[in-house]
Amino acid sequence: MKETLEQIRQAALAALAQAGDAQALDAVRVKYLGKKGELTGLLKQMGKLSAEERPVIGQLANQVREEITQAVEQRGEALEHAALEARLAEETLDVTIPGRRPELGHQHPMSIVLDELKEIFVGMGFQIAEGPEVELADYNFTKLNTEEGHPAREWSDTFYIKEDSSLLLRTQTSPMQVRTMEQQPLPIRVVAPGRVYRKDEVDATHSPMFHQIEGLVVDKGITMADLKGTLNAALKALYGPETVTRFRPHHFPFTEPSCEVDVQCHACGGKGCRVCKGEGWIEVLGAGMVHPKVLQGVGIDTDVYSGWAFGMGVERLVMRRFGITDLRLIFENDTRFLSQF
């Protein structure tokens, strides 16, 4: 039995030396020290020994067990150390290598143009005003001289929130005219940027959600000439002194007289193309003298005061500013497109 114990010891130590990972190491431990292991099986035969041999063999068996157990622990520590060294080598950080700069974002083209417009008008003495996007029909239509039955009030054109058509997503920034005149003393010079909503089909120049910037001036002696001069100055400040504009007669319920203002198409230079639908011009805003009924509705004496207002479509200004030929690109959040600005 002494020879058998020696064979077990040598075989176990040799197997432990060859164990390449924790799983192989545990397999060796179980083979020799487990409940059904070789050493345990041999010790079960101790009863066959004589009384003189039993303590000698028992002491020797314990020595072999202790030696194998220590060898298992040592091999386990060695494997853990080797694994750690391999991981450290794999994950080594060379602090001398230049770091990677985090990629910084930048302003969206919409924000760029909005900020430029604000700066232009603030430089002319205007203040910035803000109002709600969920608006009362009274402010969006009625107080702007847009009576019941007007096509703009149809459900097919407007996103109503209440069944009685009293609450809606504002279709224009023009309600800020009334809100400003109700809240601020005269004279008034404000611009009000914000989102507006209409049931428009999506195409190269239309979207159900878009941005406008409203302008309002109310003071003594204000004329249409002041409106035209201000708008021409603003558009040339935005696009450059070579900018060509066109003022066309139009009708809006809340201005009289009214006009629409176009800028020459940036894509074709006025020749006509897909962007301008063959017209050579792109409409960017509607404007006019504030209707006397709107002024009287907020208690302003129209014999003393007059005013003008405009509403610019910011997306179309952005398209003209950066030479964008499709409005949908502005909203798609494609980084390949946005990284150009």
Protein backbone atom coordinates (compact mmCIF):
# COMPACT_ATOMS: atom_id res chain seq x y z
CA MET A 1 0.00 0.00 0.00
CA LYS A 2 3.00 2.29 0.56
CA GLU A 3 3.92 1.87 -3.09
CA THR A 4 0.34 2.67 -4.16
CA LEU A 5 0.29 5.86 -2.04
CA GLU A 6 3.59 6.94 -3.61
CA GLN A 7 2.20 6.30 -7.10
CA ILE A 8 -0.90 8.37 -6.26
CA ARG A 9 1.27 11.20 -4.94
CA GLN A 10 3.51 11.31 -7.99
CA ALA A 11 0.60 11.02 -10.45
CA ALA A 12 -1.36 13.76 -8.67
CA LEU A 13 1.61 16.15 -8.56
CA ALA A 14 2.36 15.51 -12.23
CA ALA A 15 -1.30 16.10 -13.20
CA LEU A 16 -1.41 19.31 -11.16
CA ALA A 17 1.70 20.60 -12.89
CA GLN A 18 -0.03 20.09 -16.26
CA ALA A 19 -3.34 21.72 -15.25
CA GLY A 20 -3.68 24.77 -17.50
CA ASP A 21 -6.76 26.42 -16.03
CA ALA A 22 -9.10 26.37 -13.04
CA GLN A 23 -11.38 23.79 -14.65
CA ALA A 24 -8.52 21.33 -15.25
CA LEU A 25 -7.19 21.97 -11.74
CA ASP A 26 -10.56 21.15 -10.17
CA ALA A 27 -10.78 17.97 -12.23
CA VAL A 28 -7.42 16.80 -10.81
CA ARG A 29 -8.52 17.66 -7.26
CA VAL A 30 -11.72 15.66 -7.61
CA LYS A 31 -9.88 12.72 -9.19
CA TYR A 32 -7.48 12.31 -6.27
CA LEU A 33 -9.13 13.98 -3.26
CA GLY A 34 -12.83 13.77 -4.01
CA LYS A 35 -15.27 11.41 -2.24
CA LYS A 36 -14.81 8.92 -5.03
CA GLY A 37 -11.18 9.87 -5.66
CA GLU A 38 -8.22 7.48 -5.78
CA LEU A 39 -6.81 8.45 -2.38
CA THR A 40 -10.23 8.19 -0.70
CA GLY A 41 -10.76 4.79 -2.32
CA LEU A 42 -7.42 3.57 -1.02
CA LEU A 43 -8.13 4.74 2.53
CA LYS A 44 -11.35 2.73 2.53
CA GLN A 45 -9.15 -0.39 2.38
CA MET A 46 -7.41 0.44 5.67
CA GLY A 47 -9.57 -2.08 7.44
CA LYS A 48 -7.73 -4.91 5.72
CA LEU A 49 -4.43 -3.92 7.28
CA SER A 50 -3.00 -5.33 10.46
CA ALA A 51 -3.06 -3.35 13.69
CA GLU A 52 0.65 -2.61 13.34
CA GLU A 53 0.44 -1.36 9.73
CA ARG A 54 -2.70 0.72 10.13
CA PRO A 55 -1.19 3.77 11.98
CA VAL A 56 1.87 3.82 9.74
CA ILE A 57 -0.16 3.76 6.53
CA GLY A 58 -2.69 6.21 8.01
CA GLN A 59 0.07 8.72 8.81
CA LEU A 60 1.57 8.30 5.35
CA ALA A 61 -1.86 8.73 3.69
CA ASN A 62 -2.43 11.97 5.60
CA GLN A 63 0.95 13.26 4.47
CA VAL A 64 0.10 12.45 0.85
CA ARG A 65 -3.31 14.13 1.19
CA GLU A 66 -1.72 17.23 2.74
CA GLU A 67 0.94 17.42 0.04
CA ILE A 68 -1.63 17.10 -2.76
CA THR A 69 -3.89 19.70 -1.10
CA GLN A 70 -1.05 22.20 -0.80
CA ALA A 71 -0.05 21.51 -4.39
CA VAL A 72 -3.66 22.21 -5.50
CA GLU A 73 -3.64 25.54 -3.63
CA GLN A 74 -0.26 26.55 -4.99
CA ARG A 75 -1.23 25.64 -8.53
CA GLY A 76 -4.48 27.57 -8.13
CA GLU A 77 -2.61 30.69 -6.98
CA ALA A 78 -0.17 30.31 -9.86
CA LEU A 79 -3.04 30.06 -12.38
CA GLU A 80 -4.77 33.11 -10.87
CA HIS A 81 -1.56 35.09 -11.05
CA ALA A 82 -0.97 34.04 -14.66
CA ALA A 83 -4.55 34.99 -15.59
CA LEU A 84 -4.13 38.39 -13.95
CA GLU A 85 -0.84 38.99 -15.74
CA ALA A 86 -2.45 38.08 -19.06
CA ARG A 87 -5.37 40.41 -18.41
CA LEU A 88 -3.09 43.25 -17.38
CA ALA A 89 -1.00 42.74 -20.50
CA GLU A 90 -4.13 42.74 -22.67
CA GLU A 91 -5.66 45.80 -21.00
CA THR A 92 -2.50 47.82 -20.60
CA LEU A 93 -3.09 51.54 -20.97
CA ASP A 94 -0.23 53.45 -22.47
CA VAL A 95 -0.58 56.85 -20.81
CA THR A 96 1.93 58.32 -23.26
CA ILE A 97 -0.47 57.82 -26.20
CA PRO A 98 -2.43 61.01 -27.02
CA GLY A 99 -6.02 60.81 -25.74
CA ARG A 100 -9.08 60.79 -27.97
CA ARG A 101 -10.85 64.12 -27.99
CA PRO A 102 -14.61 63.79 -27.39
CA GLU A 103 -16.56 64.80 -30.47
CA LEU A 104 -18.35 68.06 -29.79
CA GLY A 105 -21.67 68.92 -31.33
CA HIS A 106 -22.62 72.26 -32.82
CA GLN A 107 -25.68 74.35 -33.50
CA HIS A 108 -28.45 73.00 -35.70
CA PRO A 109 -28.93 75.10 -38.87
CA MET A 110 -32.35 76.12 -37.53
CA SER A 111 -30.78 77.45 -34.34
CA ILE A 112 -28.07 79.26 -36.30
CA VAL A 113 -30.59 81.18 -38.41
CA LEU A 114 -32.95 81.84 -35.48
CA ASP A 115 -30.09 83.29 -33.45
CA GLU A 116 -29.00 85.42 -36.41
CA LEU A 117 -32.55 86.72 -36.86
CA LYS A 118 -32.87 87.54 -33.18
CA GLU A 119 -29.55 89.38 -33.26
CA ILE A 120 -30.60 91.34 -36.36
CA PHE A 121 -33.90 92.48 -34.86
CA VAL A 122 -32.54 93.10 -31.37
CA GLY A 123 -29.98 95.33 -33.09
CA MET A 124 -32.91 97.28 -34.54
CA GLY A 125 -34.39 97.82 -31.09
CA PHE A 126 -36.81 94.89 -30.93
CA GLN A 127 -37.50 92.75 -27.87
CA ILE A 128 -37.96 88.94 -27.85
CA ALA A 129 -41.40 87.62 -26.83
CA GLU A 130 -42.57 84.05 -26.31
CA GLY A 131 -46.04 82.51 -26.18
CA PRO A 132 -47.87 79.17 -25.91
CA GLU A 133 -47.90 76.59 -28.71
CA VAL A 134 -51.23 75.23 -27.45
CA GLU A 135 -53.41 78.22 -28.14
CA LEU A 136 -57.00 79.37 -27.73
CA ALA A 137 -58.93 79.75 -30.97
CA ASP A 138 -59.94 83.18 -29.66
CA TYR A 139 -56.31 84.36 -29.91
CA ASN A 140 -55.34 82.30 -32.96
CA PHE A 141 -58.33 83.44 -35.02
CA THR A 142 -61.09 85.61 -33.52
CA LYS A 143 -58.99 88.43 -32.06
CA LEU A 144 -57.03 88.47 -35.30
CA ASN A 145 -60.19 89.32 -37.27
CA THR A 146 -60.54 85.76 -38.60
CA GLU A 147 -64.24 85.03 -38.17
CA GLU A 148 -66.10 81.71 -38.07
CA GLY A 149 -66.31 80.09 -41.49
CA HIS A 150 -62.89 81.24 -42.64
CA PRO A 151 -61.05 78.38 -44.48
CA ALA A 152 -58.10 78.60 -42.05
CA ARG A 153 -60.44 77.53 -39.22
CA GLU A 154 -61.46 74.28 -40.95
CA TRP A 155 -60.57 70.99 -39.27
CA SER A 156 -58.90 69.94 -42.51
CA ASP A 157 -56.29 72.68 -42.03
CA THR A 158 -55.85 72.88 -38.26
CA PHE A 159 -54.85 70.52 -35.42
CA TYR A 160 -57.69 71.06 -32.93
CA ILE A 161 -57.43 69.64 -29.41
CA LYS A 162 -61.05 70.14 -28.29
CA GLU A 163 -64.16 69.02 -30.13
CA ASP A 164 -65.67 72.50 -29.87
CA SER A 165 -62.68 73.96 -31.79
CA SER A 166 -61.79 76.22 -28.87
CA LEU A 167 -58.26 74.86 -28.30
CA LEU A 168 -55.65 74.02 -30.92
CA LEU A 169 -51.99 73.80 -31.83
CA ARG A 170 -51.33 77.34 -33.03
CA THR A 171 -51.25 77.66 -36.81
CA GLN A 172 -49.13 80.82 -36.73
CA THR A 173 -47.16 83.00 -34.35
CA SER A 174 -49.63 85.85 -35.00
CA PRO A 175 -51.50 85.31 -31.69
CA MET A 176 -48.44 86.93 -30.11
CA GLN A 177 -49.56 90.21 -31.70
CA VAL A 178 -52.68 90.26 -29.52
CA ARG A 179 -50.99 88.86 -26.43
CA THR A 180 -48.20 91.44 -26.64
CA MET A 181 -50.56 94.37 -27.18
CA GLU A 182 -52.64 93.22 -24.20
CA GLN A 183 -49.64 92.94 -21.90
CA GLN A 184 -47.14 95.63 -22.94
CA PRO A 185 -47.43 99.42 -22.99
CA LEU A 186 -47.00 101.37 -26.20
CA PRO A 187 -44.85 101.79 -28.22
CA ILE A 188 -44.23 98.13 -29.09
CA ARG A 189 -41.37 96.53 -31.03
CA VAL A 190 -41.17 92.76 -30.57
CA VAL A 191 -40.29 89.58 -32.46
CA ALA A 192 -41.72 86.24 -31.35
CA PRO A 193 -40.09 83.04 -32.67
CA GLY A 194 -41.66 79.62 -32.19
CA ARG A 195 -43.10 76.40 -33.59
CA VAL A 196 -46.43 76.34 -35.42
CA TYR A 197 -48.58 73.51 -36.79
CA ARG A 198 -50.71 73.04 -39.88
CA LYS A 199 -52.10 70.04 -41.73
CA ASP A 200 -49.72 70.49 -44.65
CA GLU A 201 -48.48 67.70 -46.88
CA VAL A 202 -44.78 66.96 -46.49
CA ASP A 203 -42.74 68.01 -49.52
CA ALA A 204 -39.57 69.95 -50.35
CA THR A 205 -40.93 73.21 -48.87
CA HIS A 206 -43.76 72.15 -46.49
CA SER A 207 -44.08 70.34 -43.17
CA PRO A 208 -46.93 69.86 -40.61
CA MET A 209 -44.64 71.38 -38.00
CA PHE A 210 -42.45 74.33 -38.83
CA HIS A 211 -41.08 77.53 -37.32
CA GLN A 212 -42.10 81.15 -37.69
CA ILE A 213 -40.83 84.40 -36.27
CA GLU A 214 -43.48 87.04 -35.75
CA GLY A 215 -42.70 90.73 -35.81
CA LEU A 216 -44.87 93.56 -34.47
CA VAL A 217 -44.41 97.32 -34.35
CA VAL A 218 -47.08 99.68 -32.96
CA ASP A 219 -46.32 103.37 -32.59
CA LYS A 220 -47.37 106.78 -33.82
CA GLY A 221 -46.89 107.47 -37.53
CA ILE A 222 -45.98 103.90 -38.57
CA THR A 223 -46.38 103.30 -42.33
CA MET A 224 -45.99 100.56 -44.94
CA ALA A 225 -42.69 102.16 -45.95
CA ASP A 226 -41.32 101.39 -42.47
CA LEU A 227 -42.35 97.75 -42.90
CA LYS A 228 -40.70 97.40 -46.31
CA GLY A 229 -37.50 99.11 -45.20
CA THR A 230 -37.21 96.95 -42.07
CA LEU A 231 -37.81 93.68 -43.90
CA ASN A 232 -35.38 94.51 -46.71
CA ALA A 233 -32.73 95.46 -44.15
CA ALA A 234 -33.29 92.24 -42.19
CA LEU A 235 -33.15 89.95 -45.24
CA LYS A 236 -30.03 91.63 -46.59
CA ALA A 237 -28.39 91.36 -43.17
CA LEU A 238 -29.19 87.65 -43.21
CA TYR A 239 -28.33 86.80 -46.82
CA GLY A 240 -26.06 89.60 -47.99
CA PRO A 241 -26.45 92.94 -49.76
CA GLU A 242 -27.07 91.28 -53.14
CA THR A 243 -30.34 89.71 -51.90
CA VAL A 244 -33.28 90.29 -54.25
CA THR A 245 -36.75 90.57 -52.71
CA ARG A 246 -40.25 90.92 -54.13
CA PHE A 247 -43.32 92.36 -52.39
CA ARG A 248 -46.69 91.14 -53.71
CA PRO A 249 -50.19 92.32 -52.74
CA HIS A 250 -52.05 89.73 -50.69
CA HIS A 251 -54.83 89.40 -48.15
CA PHE A 252 -54.65 88.45 -44.48
CA PRO A 253 -57.61 89.01 -42.13
CA PHE A 254 -55.45 90.67 -39.50
CA THR A 255 -53.53 93.12 -41.74
CA GLU A 256 -54.75 95.78 -44.19
CA PRO A 257 -53.11 96.39 -46.60
CA SER A 258 -51.27 93.05 -46.77
CA CYS A 259 -48.39 91.65 -48.77
CA GLU A 260 -46.28 88.57 -49.24
CA VAL A 261 -42.52 88.82 -49.52
CA ASP A 262 -40.42 86.51 -51.69
CA VAL A 263 -36.69 86.10 -52.11
CA GLN A 264 -35.15 85.00 -55.35
CA CYS A 265 -34.66 81.22 -55.45
CA HIS A 266 -31.16 80.28 -54.27
CA ALA A 267 -31.16 77.03 -56.22
CA CYS A 268 -31.83 78.44 -59.69
CA GLY A 269 -31.17 82.17 -59.35
CA GLY A 270 -34.69 83.03 -60.46
CA LYS A 271 -34.82 80.77 -63.53
CA GLY A 272 -37.33 78.28 -62.05
CA CYS A 273 -36.68 74.82 -60.60
CA ARG A 274 -38.12 72.07 -58.37
CA VAL A 275 -37.37 74.00 -55.18
CA CYS A 276 -39.31 77.11 -56.23
CA LYS A 277 -41.85 75.09 -58.25
CA GLY A 278 -40.76 76.85 -61.42
CA GLU A 279 -41.52 80.34 -60.08
CA GLY A 280 -37.97 81.58 -59.57
CA TRP A 281 -39.03 82.96 -56.16
CA ILE A 282 -39.59 81.46 -52.72
CA GLU A 283 -42.16 82.95 -50.39
CA VAL A 284 -40.62 83.60 -46.97
CA LEU A 285 -43.14 85.74 -45.12
CA GLY A 286 -46.48 87.46 -45.03
CA ALA A 287 -46.85 90.97 -43.70
CA GLY A 288 -48.95 94.12 -43.64
CA MET A 289 -50.30 96.98 -41.62
CA VAL A 290 -52.09 95.75 -38.48
CA HIS A 291 -55.83 95.79 -39.17
CA PRO A 292 -57.67 98.56 -37.28
CA LYS A 293 -60.09 95.97 -35.86
CA VAL A 294 -57.18 94.10 -34.24
CA LEU A 295 -55.86 97.32 -32.69
CA GLN A 296 -59.31 98.39 -31.50
CA GLY A 297 -59.89 94.93 -30.03
CA VAL A 298 -57.09 95.52 -27.51
CA GLY A 299 -58.10 99.12 -26.81
CA ILE A 300 -55.58 100.98 -28.99
CA ASP A 301 -56.75 104.27 -30.48
CA THR A 302 -56.34 103.88 -34.25
CA ASP A 303 -56.58 107.64 -34.76
CA VAL A 304 -53.31 108.00 -32.89
CA TYR A 305 -51.45 104.70 -33.37
CA SER A 306 -50.76 102.39 -36.29
CA GLY A 307 -48.59 99.35 -36.68
CA TRP A 308 -47.28 96.62 -38.92
CA ALA A 309 -46.65 92.93 -38.48
CA PHE A 310 -45.00 90.06 -40.31
CA GLY A 311 -44.63 86.31 -39.97
CA MET A 312 -41.51 84.66 -41.43
CA GLY A 313 -41.19 80.97 -42.25
CA VAL A 314 -37.84 80.15 -40.65
CA GLU A 315 -37.27 76.85 -42.51
CA ARG A 316 -37.42 78.63 -45.85
CA LEU A 317 -34.99 81.22 -44.56
CA VAL A 318 -32.69 78.38 -43.50
CA MET A 319 -32.96 76.80 -46.95
CA ARG A 320 -32.03 80.09 -48.61
CA ARG A 321 -29.28 80.79 -46.08
CA PHE A 322 -27.48 77.44 -46.55
CA GLY A 323 -28.57 76.44 -50.05
CA ILE A 324 -30.70 73.51 -48.83
CA THR A 325 -33.02 72.20 -51.54
CA ASP A 326 -35.33 70.01 -49.43
CA LEU A 327 -36.95 71.20 -46.17
CA ARG A 328 -37.27 67.61 -44.91
CA LEU A 329 -33.51 67.37 -44.43
CA ILE A 330 -33.77 69.92 -41.62
CA PHE A 331 -35.92 67.55 -39.52
CA GLU A 332 -34.45 64.13 -40.33
CA ASN A 333 -31.51 64.40 -37.86
CA ASP A 334 -29.11 62.72 -40.27
CA THR A 335 -25.64 63.46 -38.89
CA ARG A 336 -24.17 63.27 -42.40
CA PHE A 337 -26.30 66.27 -43.26
CA LEU A 338 -26.03 68.17 -39.97
CA SER A 339 -22.22 67.82 -39.74
CA GLN A 340 -21.88 70.16 -42.73
CA PHE A 341 -22.94 73.20 -40.70
